[in-house]
């Protein structure tokens, strides 16, 4: 999946990265070159290549949850760029188990460095670029994991939702891994995501993007 959106000096580019093709998104300013990366995945070399290609200064690494395919190499990226690492406290236990996750799935992951901050529901993000106001809001959406979060932006002409592994095209995130809750993920989707504007573009954690109105109508898990 690739996705590119722009408004004023704010740019968004999304692409698949890593062994499980996690959808990573980068938001950055054309003016200040400040950037936020959502779900850097587990291929740091690819991310470093993107950072160089875009000529950006990464300030924050935001994570929808702490499964290795979304956060497996974030520590290396944080150390190399100076970017701070952000994750909801509900997923701290999964983050602490990152080496064990790697062993279980046969994947190489980095040694987890201490997180810089725990994400809060309703927390917002912005850059110093005067053309850009607050452009991103955190939505705590537990179910796939206890600390699963989505990030919502109504800054662009078409609102953007970075849904992680909570909502997919005609599917939802799995809940059979540690901390998963099938009833809770449905509640999160219906109460936090389906209330967003129908035209909202949903960038899922894996696979193709979708729209909120399409999931309202066609997602078999939500009926």
N, C-alpha and C. Protein backbone atom coordinates (compact mmCIF):
# COMPACT_ATOMS: atom_id res chain seq x y z
N UNK A 1 0.83 -1.20 0.00
CA UNK A 1 0.00 0.00 0.00
C UNK A 1 0.86 1.25 0.00
N UNK A 2 0.58 2.19 -0.85
CA UNK A 2 1.24 3.49 -0.83
C UNK A 2 0.17 4.57 -0.82
N UNK A 3 0.46 5.64 -0.13
CA UNK A 3 -0.52 6.72 0.01
C UNK A 3 0.24 8.01 0.18
N UNK A 4 -0.09 9.03 -0.60
CA UNK A 4 0.56 10.33 -0.49
C UNK A 4 -0.51 11.42 -0.47
N UNK A 5 -0.44 12.29 0.53
CA UNK A 5 -1.42 13.37 0.69
C UNK A 5 -0.65 14.63 1.08
N UNK A 6 -1.16 15.79 0.65
CA UNK A 6 -0.51 17.05 1.01
C UNK A 6 -1.54 18.15 1.18
N UNK A 7 -1.30 19.01 2.17
CA UNK A 7 -2.07 20.25 2.32
C UNK A 7 -1.16 21.30 2.93
N UNK A 8 -1.12 22.47 2.29
CA UNK A 8 -0.18 23.52 2.70
C UNK A 8 1.22 22.92 2.74
N UNK A 9 1.91 23.04 3.85
CA UNK A 9 3.27 22.49 3.91
C UNK A 9 3.32 21.13 4.62
N UNK A 10 2.15 20.58 4.97
CA UNK A 10 2.12 19.27 5.64
C UNK A 10 1.98 18.15 4.61
N UNK A 11 2.88 17.21 4.68
CA UNK A 11 2.90 16.06 3.77
C UNK A 11 2.68 14.77 4.53
N UNK A 12 2.02 13.83 3.89
CA UNK A 12 1.82 12.49 4.43
C UNK A 12 2.21 11.48 3.37
N UNK A 13 3.05 10.55 3.75
CA UNK A 13 3.38 9.43 2.87
C UNK A 13 3.29 8.15 3.69
N UNK A 14 2.62 7.13 3.14
CA UNK A 14 2.47 5.85 3.81
C UNK A 14 2.96 4.74 2.89
N UNK A 15 3.53 3.70 3.48
CA UNK A 15 4.10 2.61 2.69
C UNK A 15 4.26 1.39 3.60
N UNK A 16 4.38 0.22 3.00
CA UNK A 16 4.58 -1.02 3.75
C UNK A 16 6.06 -1.21 4.05
N UNK A 17 6.35 -1.72 5.25
CA UNK A 17 7.74 -1.91 5.66
C UNK A 17 7.85 -3.18 6.49
N UNK A 18 8.99 -3.87 6.35
CA UNK A 18 9.29 -4.99 7.22
C UNK A 18 8.74 -6.32 6.76
N UNK A 19 9.07 -7.36 7.53
CA UNK A 19 8.77 -8.73 7.14
C UNK A 19 7.27 -9.03 7.11
N UNK A 20 6.48 -8.29 7.86
CA UNK A 20 5.04 -8.50 7.87
C UNK A 20 4.30 -7.37 7.16
N UNK A 21 5.03 -6.57 6.37
CA UNK A 21 4.44 -5.49 5.58
C UNK A 21 3.53 -4.59 6.42
N UNK A 22 4.08 -4.10 7.51
CA UNK A 22 3.37 -3.13 8.35
C UNK A 22 3.28 -1.80 7.60
N UNK A 23 2.10 -1.20 7.62
CA UNK A 23 1.94 0.11 6.98
C UNK A 23 2.47 1.20 7.90
N UNK A 24 3.53 1.84 7.46
CA UNK A 24 4.18 2.94 8.18
C UNK A 24 3.77 4.25 7.53
N UNK A 25 3.58 5.28 8.34
CA UNK A 25 3.22 6.61 7.81
C UNK A 25 4.17 7.66 8.34
N UNK A 26 4.56 8.57 7.47
CA UNK A 26 5.40 9.70 7.86
C UNK A 26 4.67 11.00 7.56
N UNK A 27 4.54 11.84 8.56
CA UNK A 27 3.98 13.19 8.41
C UNK A 27 5.13 14.17 8.59
N UNK A 28 5.28 15.11 7.65
CA UNK A 28 6.40 16.03 7.76
C UNK A 28 6.08 17.39 7.14
N UNK A 29 6.82 18.38 7.59
CA UNK A 29 6.66 19.75 7.12
C UNK A 29 7.68 20.06 6.03
N UNK A 30 7.20 20.62 4.93
CA UNK A 30 8.10 21.06 3.87
C UNK A 30 8.98 22.22 4.32
N UNK A 31 8.49 22.98 5.29
CA UNK A 31 9.18 24.20 5.72
C UNK A 31 10.26 23.90 6.75
N UNK A 32 9.88 23.24 7.84
CA UNK A 32 10.83 22.99 8.94
C UNK A 32 11.51 21.63 8.83
N UNK A 33 10.99 20.75 7.98
CA UNK A 33 11.46 19.38 7.80
C UNK A 33 11.20 18.51 9.02
N UNK A 34 10.49 19.02 10.03
CA UNK A 34 10.11 18.20 11.18
C UNK A 34 9.23 17.04 10.72
N UNK A 35 9.37 15.91 11.39
CA UNK A 35 8.60 14.73 10.98
C UNK A 35 8.18 13.89 12.18
N UNK A 36 7.05 13.21 12.01
CA UNK A 36 6.57 12.19 12.93
C UNK A 36 6.42 10.91 12.13
N UNK A 37 6.90 9.81 12.67
CA UNK A 37 6.72 8.51 12.03
C UNK A 37 5.76 7.68 12.88
N UNK A 38 4.72 7.16 12.24
CA UNK A 38 3.77 6.27 12.90
C UNK A 38 4.09 4.84 12.49
N UNK A 39 4.34 3.98 13.47
CA UNK A 39 4.65 2.56 13.25
C UNK A 39 5.83 2.35 12.31
N UNK A 40 7.06 2.60 12.78
CA UNK A 40 8.25 2.44 11.93
C UNK A 40 8.53 1.00 11.51
N UNK A 41 7.89 0.03 12.16
CA UNK A 41 8.05 -1.36 11.75
C UNK A 41 9.31 -2.01 12.24
N UNK A 42 9.79 -3.02 11.50
CA UNK A 42 10.97 -3.78 11.96
C UNK A 42 12.05 -3.88 10.89
N UNK A 43 12.18 -2.83 10.08
CA UNK A 43 13.26 -2.75 9.09
C UNK A 43 13.85 -1.34 9.16
N UNK A 44 14.82 -1.18 10.04
CA UNK A 44 15.37 0.16 10.27
C UNK A 44 16.12 0.69 9.06
N UNK A 45 16.76 -0.19 8.30
CA UNK A 45 17.52 0.27 7.13
C UNK A 45 16.60 0.93 6.10
N UNK A 46 15.43 0.35 5.90
CA UNK A 46 14.47 0.92 4.97
C UNK A 46 14.00 2.29 5.46
N UNK A 47 13.76 2.40 6.77
CA UNK A 47 13.32 3.69 7.33
C UNK A 47 14.43 4.73 7.21
N UNK A 48 15.67 4.34 7.49
CA UNK A 48 16.78 5.28 7.34
C UNK A 48 16.88 5.78 5.90
N UNK A 49 16.64 4.89 4.95
CA UNK A 49 16.66 5.27 3.54
C UNK A 49 15.57 6.30 3.25
N UNK A 50 14.38 6.09 3.81
CA UNK A 50 13.27 7.03 3.62
C UNK A 50 13.58 8.38 4.25
N UNK A 51 14.17 8.36 5.43
CA UNK A 51 14.51 9.61 6.12
C UNK A 51 15.49 10.43 5.28
N UNK A 52 16.47 9.76 4.72
CA UNK A 52 17.46 10.44 3.87
C UNK A 52 16.80 10.94 2.59
N UNK A 53 15.97 10.11 1.99
CA UNK A 53 15.29 10.46 0.73
C UNK A 53 14.40 11.69 0.91
N UNK A 54 13.69 11.76 2.03
CA UNK A 54 12.78 12.88 2.27
C UNK A 54 13.47 14.09 2.91
N UNK A 55 14.71 13.87 3.38
CA UNK A 55 15.48 14.94 4.04
C UNK A 55 14.70 15.53 5.21
N UNK A 56 14.34 14.64 6.15
CA UNK A 56 13.49 15.05 7.27
C UNK A 56 14.22 14.91 8.60
N UNK A 57 13.73 15.66 9.58
CA UNK A 57 14.24 15.64 10.95
C UNK A 57 13.17 14.98 11.82
N UNK A 58 13.35 13.71 12.13
CA UNK A 58 12.32 12.95 12.85
C UNK A 58 12.32 13.34 14.33
N UNK A 59 11.17 13.83 14.79
CA UNK A 59 11.04 14.29 16.16
C UNK A 59 10.39 13.25 17.08
N UNK A 60 9.42 12.49 16.52
CA UNK A 60 8.68 11.54 17.35
C UNK A 60 8.39 10.26 16.58
N UNK A 61 8.42 9.15 17.30
CA UNK A 61 7.99 7.86 16.79
C UNK A 61 6.74 7.47 17.57
N UNK A 62 5.61 7.42 16.88
CA UNK A 62 4.34 7.06 17.51
C UNK A 62 3.98 5.63 17.13
N UNK A 63 3.43 4.88 18.07
CA UNK A 63 3.14 3.48 17.82
C UNK A 63 1.68 3.16 18.15
N UNK A 64 1.02 2.48 17.21
CA UNK A 64 -0.37 2.09 17.45
C UNK A 64 -0.45 0.98 18.49
N UNK A 65 0.58 0.15 18.57
CA UNK A 65 0.64 -0.89 19.60
C UNK A 65 2.05 -1.48 19.58
N UNK A 66 2.30 -2.45 20.46
CA UNK A 66 3.67 -2.90 20.68
C UNK A 66 3.97 -4.29 20.14
N UNK A 67 3.28 -4.73 19.10
CA UNK A 67 3.70 -5.96 18.44
C UNK A 67 4.94 -5.69 17.61
N UNK A 68 5.83 -6.69 17.54
CA UNK A 68 7.16 -6.50 16.98
C UNK A 68 7.16 -5.95 15.56
N UNK A 69 6.15 -6.29 14.77
CA UNK A 69 6.16 -5.86 13.36
C UNK A 69 5.86 -4.37 13.22
N UNK A 70 5.43 -3.73 14.30
CA UNK A 70 5.16 -2.29 14.28
C UNK A 70 6.23 -1.49 15.03
N UNK A 71 6.96 -2.15 15.94
CA UNK A 71 7.87 -1.41 16.82
C UNK A 71 9.23 -2.09 16.97
N UNK A 72 9.47 -3.16 16.20
CA UNK A 72 10.64 -4.01 16.41
C UNK A 72 11.99 -3.34 16.28
N UNK A 73 12.09 -2.29 15.47
CA UNK A 73 13.37 -1.61 15.30
C UNK A 73 13.31 -0.13 15.67
N UNK A 74 12.30 0.23 16.40
CA UNK A 74 12.12 1.64 16.77
C UNK A 74 13.25 2.16 17.65
N UNK A 75 13.78 1.30 18.53
CA UNK A 75 14.85 1.76 19.42
C UNK A 75 16.07 2.23 18.63
N UNK A 76 16.44 1.47 17.59
CA UNK A 76 17.58 1.87 16.77
C UNK A 76 17.31 3.19 16.05
N UNK A 77 16.09 3.34 15.56
CA UNK A 77 15.73 4.58 14.86
C UNK A 77 15.75 5.76 15.82
N UNK A 78 15.26 5.53 17.03
CA UNK A 78 15.25 6.59 18.05
C UNK A 78 16.67 7.02 18.41
N UNK A 79 17.54 6.05 18.62
CA UNK A 79 18.93 6.37 18.98
C UNK A 79 19.63 7.12 17.86
N UNK A 80 19.40 6.70 16.63
CA UNK A 80 20.10 7.30 15.48
C UNK A 80 19.61 8.70 15.16
N UNK A 81 18.32 8.96 15.39
CA UNK A 81 17.73 10.24 14.98
C UNK A 81 17.50 11.20 16.15
N UNK A 82 17.48 10.68 17.36
CA UNK A 82 17.13 11.50 18.52
C UNK A 82 15.63 11.64 18.72
N UNK A 83 14.84 10.95 17.91
CA UNK A 83 13.38 11.02 18.04
C UNK A 83 12.93 10.34 19.32
N UNK A 84 11.90 10.89 19.94
CA UNK A 84 11.34 10.30 21.14
C UNK A 84 10.36 9.19 20.78
N UNK A 85 10.24 8.19 21.66
CA UNK A 85 9.37 7.04 21.43
C UNK A 85 8.13 7.13 22.29
N UNK A 86 6.96 6.91 21.67
CA UNK A 86 5.68 7.08 22.35
C UNK A 86 4.82 5.83 22.16
N UNK A 87 4.25 5.33 23.25
CA UNK A 87 3.41 4.13 23.25
C UNK A 87 2.46 4.22 24.43
N UNK A 88 1.24 3.71 24.28
CA UNK A 88 0.29 3.72 25.39
C UNK A 88 0.76 2.78 26.50
N UNK A 89 0.55 3.17 27.74
CA UNK A 89 1.04 2.38 28.88
C UNK A 89 0.43 0.98 28.93
N UNK A 90 -0.74 0.82 28.32
CA UNK A 90 -1.37 -0.49 28.31
C UNK A 90 -0.57 -1.54 27.58
N UNK A 91 0.34 -1.11 26.71
CA UNK A 91 1.18 -2.04 25.95
C UNK A 91 2.62 -2.10 26.46
N UNK A 92 2.86 -1.54 27.64
CA UNK A 92 4.22 -1.57 28.18
C UNK A 92 4.70 -3.02 28.34
N UNK A 93 3.82 -3.91 28.78
CA UNK A 93 4.23 -5.30 29.00
C UNK A 93 4.64 -5.98 27.69
N UNK A 94 3.95 -5.64 26.59
CA UNK A 94 4.32 -6.19 25.29
C UNK A 94 5.65 -5.62 24.80
N UNK A 95 5.85 -4.36 25.07
CA UNK A 95 7.12 -3.73 24.68
C UNK A 95 8.28 -4.36 25.45
N UNK A 96 8.06 -4.60 26.74
CA UNK A 96 9.11 -5.22 27.55
C UNK A 96 9.41 -6.64 27.08
N UNK A 97 8.43 -7.29 26.44
CA UNK A 97 8.58 -8.66 25.93
C UNK A 97 9.04 -8.70 24.48
N UNK A 98 9.51 -7.57 23.96
CA UNK A 98 9.88 -7.51 22.54
C UNK A 98 10.89 -8.59 22.13
N UNK A 99 11.95 -8.84 22.91
CA UNK A 99 12.88 -9.91 22.52
C UNK A 99 12.20 -11.27 22.44
N UNK A 100 11.29 -11.55 23.37
CA UNK A 100 10.56 -12.81 23.36
C UNK A 100 9.62 -12.91 22.16
N UNK A 101 9.01 -11.76 21.80
CA UNK A 101 8.18 -11.76 20.60
C UNK A 101 9.00 -12.15 19.38
N UNK A 102 10.18 -11.57 19.27
CA UNK A 102 11.04 -11.87 18.15
C UNK A 102 11.40 -13.34 18.08
N UNK A 103 11.74 -13.92 19.22
CA UNK A 103 12.08 -15.34 19.27
C UNK A 103 10.89 -16.20 18.86
N UNK A 104 9.71 -15.86 19.37
CA UNK A 104 8.51 -16.65 19.09
C UNK A 104 8.18 -16.66 17.60
N UNK A 105 8.32 -15.51 16.96
CA UNK A 105 7.97 -15.40 15.54
C UNK A 105 9.18 -15.58 14.61
N UNK A 106 10.34 -15.88 15.20
CA UNK A 106 11.53 -16.10 14.38
C UNK A 106 12.02 -14.84 13.69
N UNK A 107 11.90 -13.70 14.37
CA UNK A 107 12.28 -12.41 13.79
C UNK A 107 13.36 -11.75 14.63
N UNK A 108 14.22 -11.00 13.97
CA UNK A 108 15.22 -10.22 14.69
C UNK A 108 14.61 -8.88 15.08
N UNK A 109 14.70 -8.56 16.36
CA UNK A 109 14.21 -7.26 16.84
C UNK A 109 15.29 -6.62 17.69
N UNK A 110 15.18 -5.32 17.86
CA UNK A 110 16.17 -4.61 18.64
C UNK A 110 15.94 -4.75 20.13
N UNK A 111 16.97 -4.44 20.91
CA UNK A 111 16.82 -4.40 22.37
C UNK A 111 16.03 -3.14 22.72
N UNK A 112 14.88 -3.28 23.39
CA UNK A 112 14.04 -2.12 23.65
C UNK A 112 14.67 -1.12 24.61
N UNK A 113 14.82 0.12 24.15
CA UNK A 113 15.28 1.21 25.02
C UNK A 113 14.09 1.73 25.81
N UNK A 114 14.32 2.42 26.91
CA UNK A 114 13.19 2.98 27.66
C UNK A 114 12.35 3.92 26.81
N UNK A 115 11.04 3.81 26.97
CA UNK A 115 10.13 4.72 26.26
C UNK A 115 10.32 6.14 26.80
N UNK A 116 10.07 7.11 25.94
CA UNK A 116 10.18 8.51 26.37
C UNK A 116 8.87 9.03 26.95
N UNK A 117 7.74 8.47 26.49
CA UNK A 117 6.45 8.94 26.99
C UNK A 117 5.37 7.91 26.69
N UNK A 118 4.35 7.88 27.55
CA UNK A 118 3.18 7.06 27.31
C UNK A 118 2.12 7.92 26.62
N UNK A 119 1.56 7.40 25.54
CA UNK A 119 0.49 8.10 24.84
C UNK A 119 -0.74 8.24 25.72
N UNK A 120 -1.44 9.35 25.58
CA UNK A 120 -2.68 9.60 26.31
C UNK A 120 -3.83 9.75 25.33
N UNK A 121 -4.98 9.23 25.70
CA UNK A 121 -6.17 9.42 24.86
C UNK A 121 -6.44 10.91 24.71
N UNK A 122 -6.63 11.37 23.49
CA UNK A 122 -6.87 12.78 23.23
C UNK A 122 -5.62 13.61 23.07
N UNK A 123 -4.45 13.01 23.24
CA UNK A 123 -3.19 13.75 23.08
C UNK A 123 -3.04 14.20 21.63
N UNK A 124 -2.56 15.43 21.45
CA UNK A 124 -2.44 15.99 20.10
C UNK A 124 -0.97 16.28 19.77
N UNK A 125 -0.72 16.44 18.46
CA UNK A 125 0.64 16.67 17.99
C UNK A 125 0.65 17.77 16.94
N UNK A 126 1.74 18.55 16.93
CA UNK A 126 1.90 19.64 15.97
C UNK A 126 3.39 19.86 15.72
N UNK A 127 3.70 20.71 14.75
CA UNK A 127 5.07 21.11 14.47
C UNK A 127 5.23 22.60 14.76
N UNK A 128 6.46 23.10 14.67
CA UNK A 128 6.70 24.53 14.86
C UNK A 128 6.39 25.33 13.61
N UNK A 129 6.13 24.65 12.50
CA UNK A 129 5.78 25.28 11.23
C UNK A 129 4.54 26.16 11.42
N UNK A 130 4.64 27.49 11.18
CA UNK A 130 3.49 28.37 11.40
C UNK A 130 2.31 28.11 10.46
N UNK A 131 2.56 27.41 9.34
CA UNK A 131 1.48 27.10 8.40
C UNK A 131 0.60 25.95 8.89
N UNK A 132 1.11 25.21 9.87
CA UNK A 132 0.42 23.99 10.30
C UNK A 132 -0.03 24.13 11.75
N UNK A 133 -1.33 23.94 11.98
CA UNK A 133 -1.80 23.90 13.36
C UNK A 133 -1.79 22.45 13.84
N UNK A 134 -2.40 22.18 14.99
CA UNK A 134 -2.47 20.82 15.49
C UNK A 134 -3.11 19.91 14.43
N UNK A 135 -2.43 18.82 14.10
CA UNK A 135 -2.89 18.02 12.96
C UNK A 135 -3.12 16.55 13.28
N UNK A 136 -2.90 16.13 14.52
CA UNK A 136 -3.01 14.70 14.83
C UNK A 136 -3.50 14.51 16.26
N UNK A 137 -4.46 13.60 16.43
CA UNK A 137 -5.04 13.32 17.75
C UNK A 137 -5.01 11.83 18.03
N UNK A 138 -4.67 11.47 19.25
CA UNK A 138 -4.60 10.07 19.67
C UNK A 138 -5.97 9.59 20.14
N UNK A 139 -6.36 8.40 19.65
CA UNK A 139 -7.60 7.75 20.09
C UNK A 139 -7.22 6.40 20.69
N UNK A 140 -7.46 6.22 21.99
CA UNK A 140 -7.19 4.93 22.62
C UNK A 140 -8.29 3.96 22.21
N UNK A 141 -7.90 2.86 21.55
CA UNK A 141 -8.87 1.90 21.01
C UNK A 141 -8.46 0.48 21.41
N UNK A 142 -8.58 0.13 22.68
CA UNK A 142 -8.14 -1.19 23.13
C UNK A 142 -8.95 -2.32 22.51
N UNK A 143 -8.34 -3.49 22.47
CA UNK A 143 -9.01 -4.67 21.94
C UNK A 143 -8.01 -5.59 21.26
N UNK A 144 -7.33 -5.10 20.24
CA UNK A 144 -6.25 -5.88 19.62
C UNK A 144 -5.17 -6.11 20.67
N UNK A 145 -4.83 -5.05 21.37
CA UNK A 145 -3.98 -5.09 22.56
C UNK A 145 -4.57 -4.09 23.56
N UNK A 146 -4.20 -4.19 24.84
CA UNK A 146 -4.77 -3.24 25.82
C UNK A 146 -4.44 -1.78 25.53
N UNK A 147 -3.27 -1.54 24.93
CA UNK A 147 -2.85 -0.16 24.69
C UNK A 147 -2.99 0.29 23.25
N UNK A 148 -3.71 -0.47 22.45
CA UNK A 148 -3.86 -0.09 21.04
C UNK A 148 -4.41 1.32 20.90
N UNK A 149 -3.81 2.09 20.02
CA UNK A 149 -4.27 3.45 19.73
C UNK A 149 -4.37 3.66 18.23
N UNK A 150 -5.27 4.53 17.83
CA UNK A 150 -5.33 5.01 16.47
C UNK A 150 -4.98 6.50 16.51
N UNK A 151 -4.59 7.03 15.38
CA UNK A 151 -4.28 8.45 15.27
C UNK A 151 -5.14 9.05 14.16
N UNK A 152 -5.79 10.17 14.48
CA UNK A 152 -6.75 10.77 13.56
C UNK A 152 -6.30 12.17 13.17
N UNK A 153 -6.40 12.47 11.88
CA UNK A 153 -6.08 13.81 11.39
C UNK A 153 -7.21 14.34 10.53
N UNK A 154 -7.80 15.45 10.93
CA UNK A 154 -8.81 16.12 10.10
C UNK A 154 -8.21 17.35 9.42
N UNK A 155 -6.88 17.40 9.36
CA UNK A 155 -6.20 18.54 8.76
C UNK A 155 -6.32 18.53 7.24
N UNK A 156 -6.23 17.34 6.66
CA UNK A 156 -6.26 17.22 5.20
C UNK A 156 -7.69 17.34 4.68
N UNK A 157 -7.81 17.56 3.36
CA UNK A 157 -9.14 17.67 2.75
C UNK A 157 -9.96 16.41 3.02
N UNK A 158 -9.30 15.25 2.91
CA UNK A 158 -9.91 13.98 3.30
C UNK A 158 -9.32 13.58 4.64
N UNK A 159 -10.13 13.46 5.70
CA UNK A 159 -9.58 13.06 7.00
C UNK A 159 -8.85 11.72 6.90
N UNK A 160 -7.81 11.57 7.70
CA UNK A 160 -6.98 10.36 7.68
C UNK A 160 -7.01 9.69 9.06
N UNK A 161 -7.20 8.38 9.07
CA UNK A 161 -7.15 7.60 10.30
C UNK A 161 -6.06 6.55 10.17
N UNK A 162 -5.11 6.59 11.09
CA UNK A 162 -4.04 5.60 11.14
C UNK A 162 -4.49 4.56 12.16
N UNK A 163 -5.03 3.45 11.65
CA UNK A 163 -5.81 2.53 12.48
C UNK A 163 -5.01 1.40 13.09
N UNK A 164 -3.74 1.28 12.75
CA UNK A 164 -2.99 0.16 13.29
C UNK A 164 -3.69 -1.16 12.97
N UNK A 165 -3.66 -2.09 13.92
CA UNK A 165 -4.31 -3.39 13.71
C UNK A 165 -5.68 -3.45 14.36
N UNK A 166 -6.34 -2.31 14.50
CA UNK A 166 -7.69 -2.29 15.06
C UNK A 166 -8.73 -2.53 13.98
N UNK A 167 -8.63 -1.80 12.87
CA UNK A 167 -9.63 -1.90 11.80
C UNK A 167 -8.94 -2.11 10.46
N UNK A 168 -9.43 -3.09 9.71
CA UNK A 168 -8.92 -3.39 8.38
C UNK A 168 -10.07 -3.31 7.36
N UNK A 169 -9.71 -3.39 6.10
CA UNK A 169 -10.72 -3.46 5.06
C UNK A 169 -11.53 -4.75 5.24
N UNK A 170 -12.80 -4.59 5.60
CA UNK A 170 -13.74 -5.69 5.83
C UNK A 170 -13.22 -6.71 6.84
N UNK A 171 -12.45 -6.24 7.82
CA UNK A 171 -11.96 -7.12 8.87
C UNK A 171 -11.59 -6.29 10.09
N UNK A 172 -11.19 -6.98 11.15
CA UNK A 172 -10.73 -6.31 12.37
C UNK A 172 -9.46 -7.02 12.84
N UNK A 173 -8.79 -6.43 13.81
CA UNK A 173 -7.57 -7.02 14.33
C UNK A 173 -7.82 -8.30 15.09
N UNK A 174 -6.85 -9.17 15.06
CA UNK A 174 -6.96 -10.43 15.81
C UNK A 174 -6.92 -10.14 17.30
N UNK A 175 -7.57 -11.01 18.06
CA UNK A 175 -7.63 -10.80 19.52
C UNK A 175 -7.21 -12.04 20.29
N UNK A 176 -6.50 -12.95 19.62
CA UNK A 176 -6.09 -14.20 20.26
C UNK A 176 -4.67 -14.17 20.80
N UNK A 177 -4.02 -13.02 20.73
CA UNK A 177 -2.69 -12.86 21.29
C UNK A 177 -2.80 -12.24 22.68
N UNK A 178 -1.72 -12.30 23.50
CA UNK A 178 -1.79 -11.78 24.87
C UNK A 178 -2.38 -10.37 24.97
N UNK A 179 -3.39 -10.20 25.80
CA UNK A 179 -4.02 -8.91 26.00
C UNK A 179 -5.16 -8.61 25.05
N UNK A 180 -5.41 -9.48 24.08
CA UNK A 180 -6.49 -9.25 23.13
C UNK A 180 -7.86 -9.46 23.77
N UNK A 181 -8.85 -8.73 23.27
CA UNK A 181 -10.22 -8.81 23.81
C UNK A 181 -11.21 -8.58 22.68
N UNK A 182 -11.91 -9.64 22.28
CA UNK A 182 -12.81 -9.57 21.14
C UNK A 182 -13.97 -8.61 21.30
N UNK A 183 -14.57 -8.59 22.48
CA UNK A 183 -15.69 -7.68 22.71
C UNK A 183 -15.22 -6.23 22.76
N UNK A 184 -14.04 -6.03 23.35
CA UNK A 184 -13.53 -4.68 23.51
C UNK A 184 -13.14 -4.05 22.18
N UNK A 185 -12.60 -4.84 21.26
CA UNK A 185 -12.20 -4.26 19.98
C UNK A 185 -13.42 -3.79 19.20
N UNK A 186 -14.52 -4.53 19.27
CA UNK A 186 -15.75 -4.12 18.60
C UNK A 186 -16.28 -2.83 19.21
N UNK A 187 -16.24 -2.76 20.53
CA UNK A 187 -16.68 -1.55 21.23
C UNK A 187 -15.83 -0.35 20.82
N UNK A 188 -14.52 -0.55 20.75
CA UNK A 188 -13.62 0.54 20.36
C UNK A 188 -13.92 1.02 18.95
N UNK A 189 -14.11 0.08 18.04
CA UNK A 189 -14.37 0.45 16.64
C UNK A 189 -15.68 1.20 16.53
N UNK A 190 -16.71 0.69 17.14
CA UNK A 190 -18.03 1.31 17.00
C UNK A 190 -18.12 2.66 17.69
N UNK A 191 -17.49 2.79 18.87
CA UNK A 191 -17.63 4.02 19.65
C UNK A 191 -16.58 5.08 19.33
N UNK A 192 -15.41 4.67 18.81
CA UNK A 192 -14.35 5.64 18.56
C UNK A 192 -14.08 5.89 17.08
N UNK A 193 -14.30 4.87 16.23
CA UNK A 193 -13.92 5.00 14.83
C UNK A 193 -15.10 5.20 13.89
N UNK A 194 -16.16 4.47 14.07
CA UNK A 194 -17.30 4.59 13.16
C UNK A 194 -18.05 5.91 13.32
N UNK A 195 -17.74 6.65 14.36
CA UNK A 195 -18.35 7.98 14.57
C UNK A 195 -17.57 9.07 13.82
N UNK A 196 -16.44 8.72 13.24
CA UNK A 196 -15.67 9.68 12.46
C UNK A 196 -16.38 9.94 11.13
N UNK A 197 -16.04 11.03 10.44
CA UNK A 197 -16.69 11.32 9.15
C UNK A 197 -16.62 10.14 8.19
N UNK A 198 -17.72 9.90 7.48
CA UNK A 198 -17.82 8.75 6.58
C UNK A 198 -16.69 8.70 5.56
N UNK A 199 -16.24 9.85 5.10
CA UNK A 199 -15.23 9.88 4.03
C UNK A 199 -13.81 9.67 4.55
N UNK A 200 -13.64 9.49 5.86
CA UNK A 200 -12.31 9.31 6.43
C UNK A 200 -11.56 8.15 5.78
N UNK A 201 -10.35 8.42 5.36
CA UNK A 201 -9.48 7.39 4.79
C UNK A 201 -8.85 6.61 5.92
N UNK A 202 -9.02 5.29 5.91
CA UNK A 202 -8.48 4.42 6.96
C UNK A 202 -7.20 3.76 6.46
N UNK A 203 -6.08 4.13 7.04
CA UNK A 203 -4.81 3.48 6.74
C UNK A 203 -4.64 2.38 7.77
N UNK A 204 -4.90 1.15 7.36
CA UNK A 204 -4.84 0.02 8.27
C UNK A 204 -3.40 -0.37 8.56
N UNK A 205 -3.22 -1.21 9.57
CA UNK A 205 -1.88 -1.63 9.93
C UNK A 205 -1.21 -2.50 8.89
N UNK A 206 -2.01 -3.17 8.09
CA UNK A 206 -1.52 -4.01 7.00
C UNK A 206 -2.55 -3.98 5.88
N UNK A 207 -2.09 -4.16 4.66
CA UNK A 207 -3.02 -4.30 3.55
C UNK A 207 -3.56 -2.98 3.03
N UNK A 208 -4.63 -3.05 2.22
CA UNK A 208 -5.15 -1.85 1.56
C UNK A 208 -5.86 -0.91 2.51
N UNK A 209 -5.95 0.34 2.09
CA UNK A 209 -6.72 1.32 2.86
C UNK A 209 -8.20 1.15 2.54
N UNK A 210 -9.04 1.81 3.33
CA UNK A 210 -10.48 1.73 3.14
C UNK A 210 -11.08 3.05 3.61
N UNK A 211 -12.40 3.12 3.66
CA UNK A 211 -13.10 4.31 4.13
C UNK A 211 -14.04 3.92 5.26
N UNK A 212 -14.31 4.85 6.15
CA UNK A 212 -15.21 4.56 7.26
C UNK A 212 -16.58 4.12 6.75
N UNK A 213 -17.12 4.80 5.74
CA UNK A 213 -18.46 4.44 5.27
C UNK A 213 -18.48 3.04 4.67
N UNK A 214 -17.37 2.61 4.06
CA UNK A 214 -17.31 1.26 3.51
C UNK A 214 -17.34 0.21 4.61
N UNK A 215 -16.66 0.50 5.72
CA UNK A 215 -16.65 -0.47 6.82
C UNK A 215 -17.99 -0.50 7.54
N UNK A 216 -18.66 0.64 7.64
CA UNK A 216 -20.00 0.67 8.22
C UNK A 216 -20.94 -0.24 7.43
N UNK A 217 -20.81 -0.24 6.12
CA UNK A 217 -21.73 -0.97 5.25
C UNK A 217 -21.35 -2.43 5.04
N UNK A 218 -20.04 -2.69 4.94
CA UNK A 218 -19.63 -3.99 4.42
C UNK A 218 -18.81 -4.85 5.37
N UNK A 219 -18.36 -4.32 6.49
CA UNK A 219 -17.50 -5.11 7.38
C UNK A 219 -18.34 -6.14 8.14
N UNK A 220 -18.15 -7.44 7.86
CA UNK A 220 -19.01 -8.45 8.48
C UNK A 220 -18.84 -8.59 9.98
N UNK A 221 -17.73 -8.10 10.52
CA UNK A 221 -17.50 -8.21 11.96
C UNK A 221 -18.26 -7.15 12.75
N UNK A 222 -18.82 -6.17 12.04
CA UNK A 222 -19.46 -5.03 12.72
C UNK A 222 -20.97 -5.09 12.61
N UNK A 223 -21.51 -6.22 12.17
CA UNK A 223 -22.97 -6.35 12.01
C UNK A 223 -23.49 -7.56 12.78
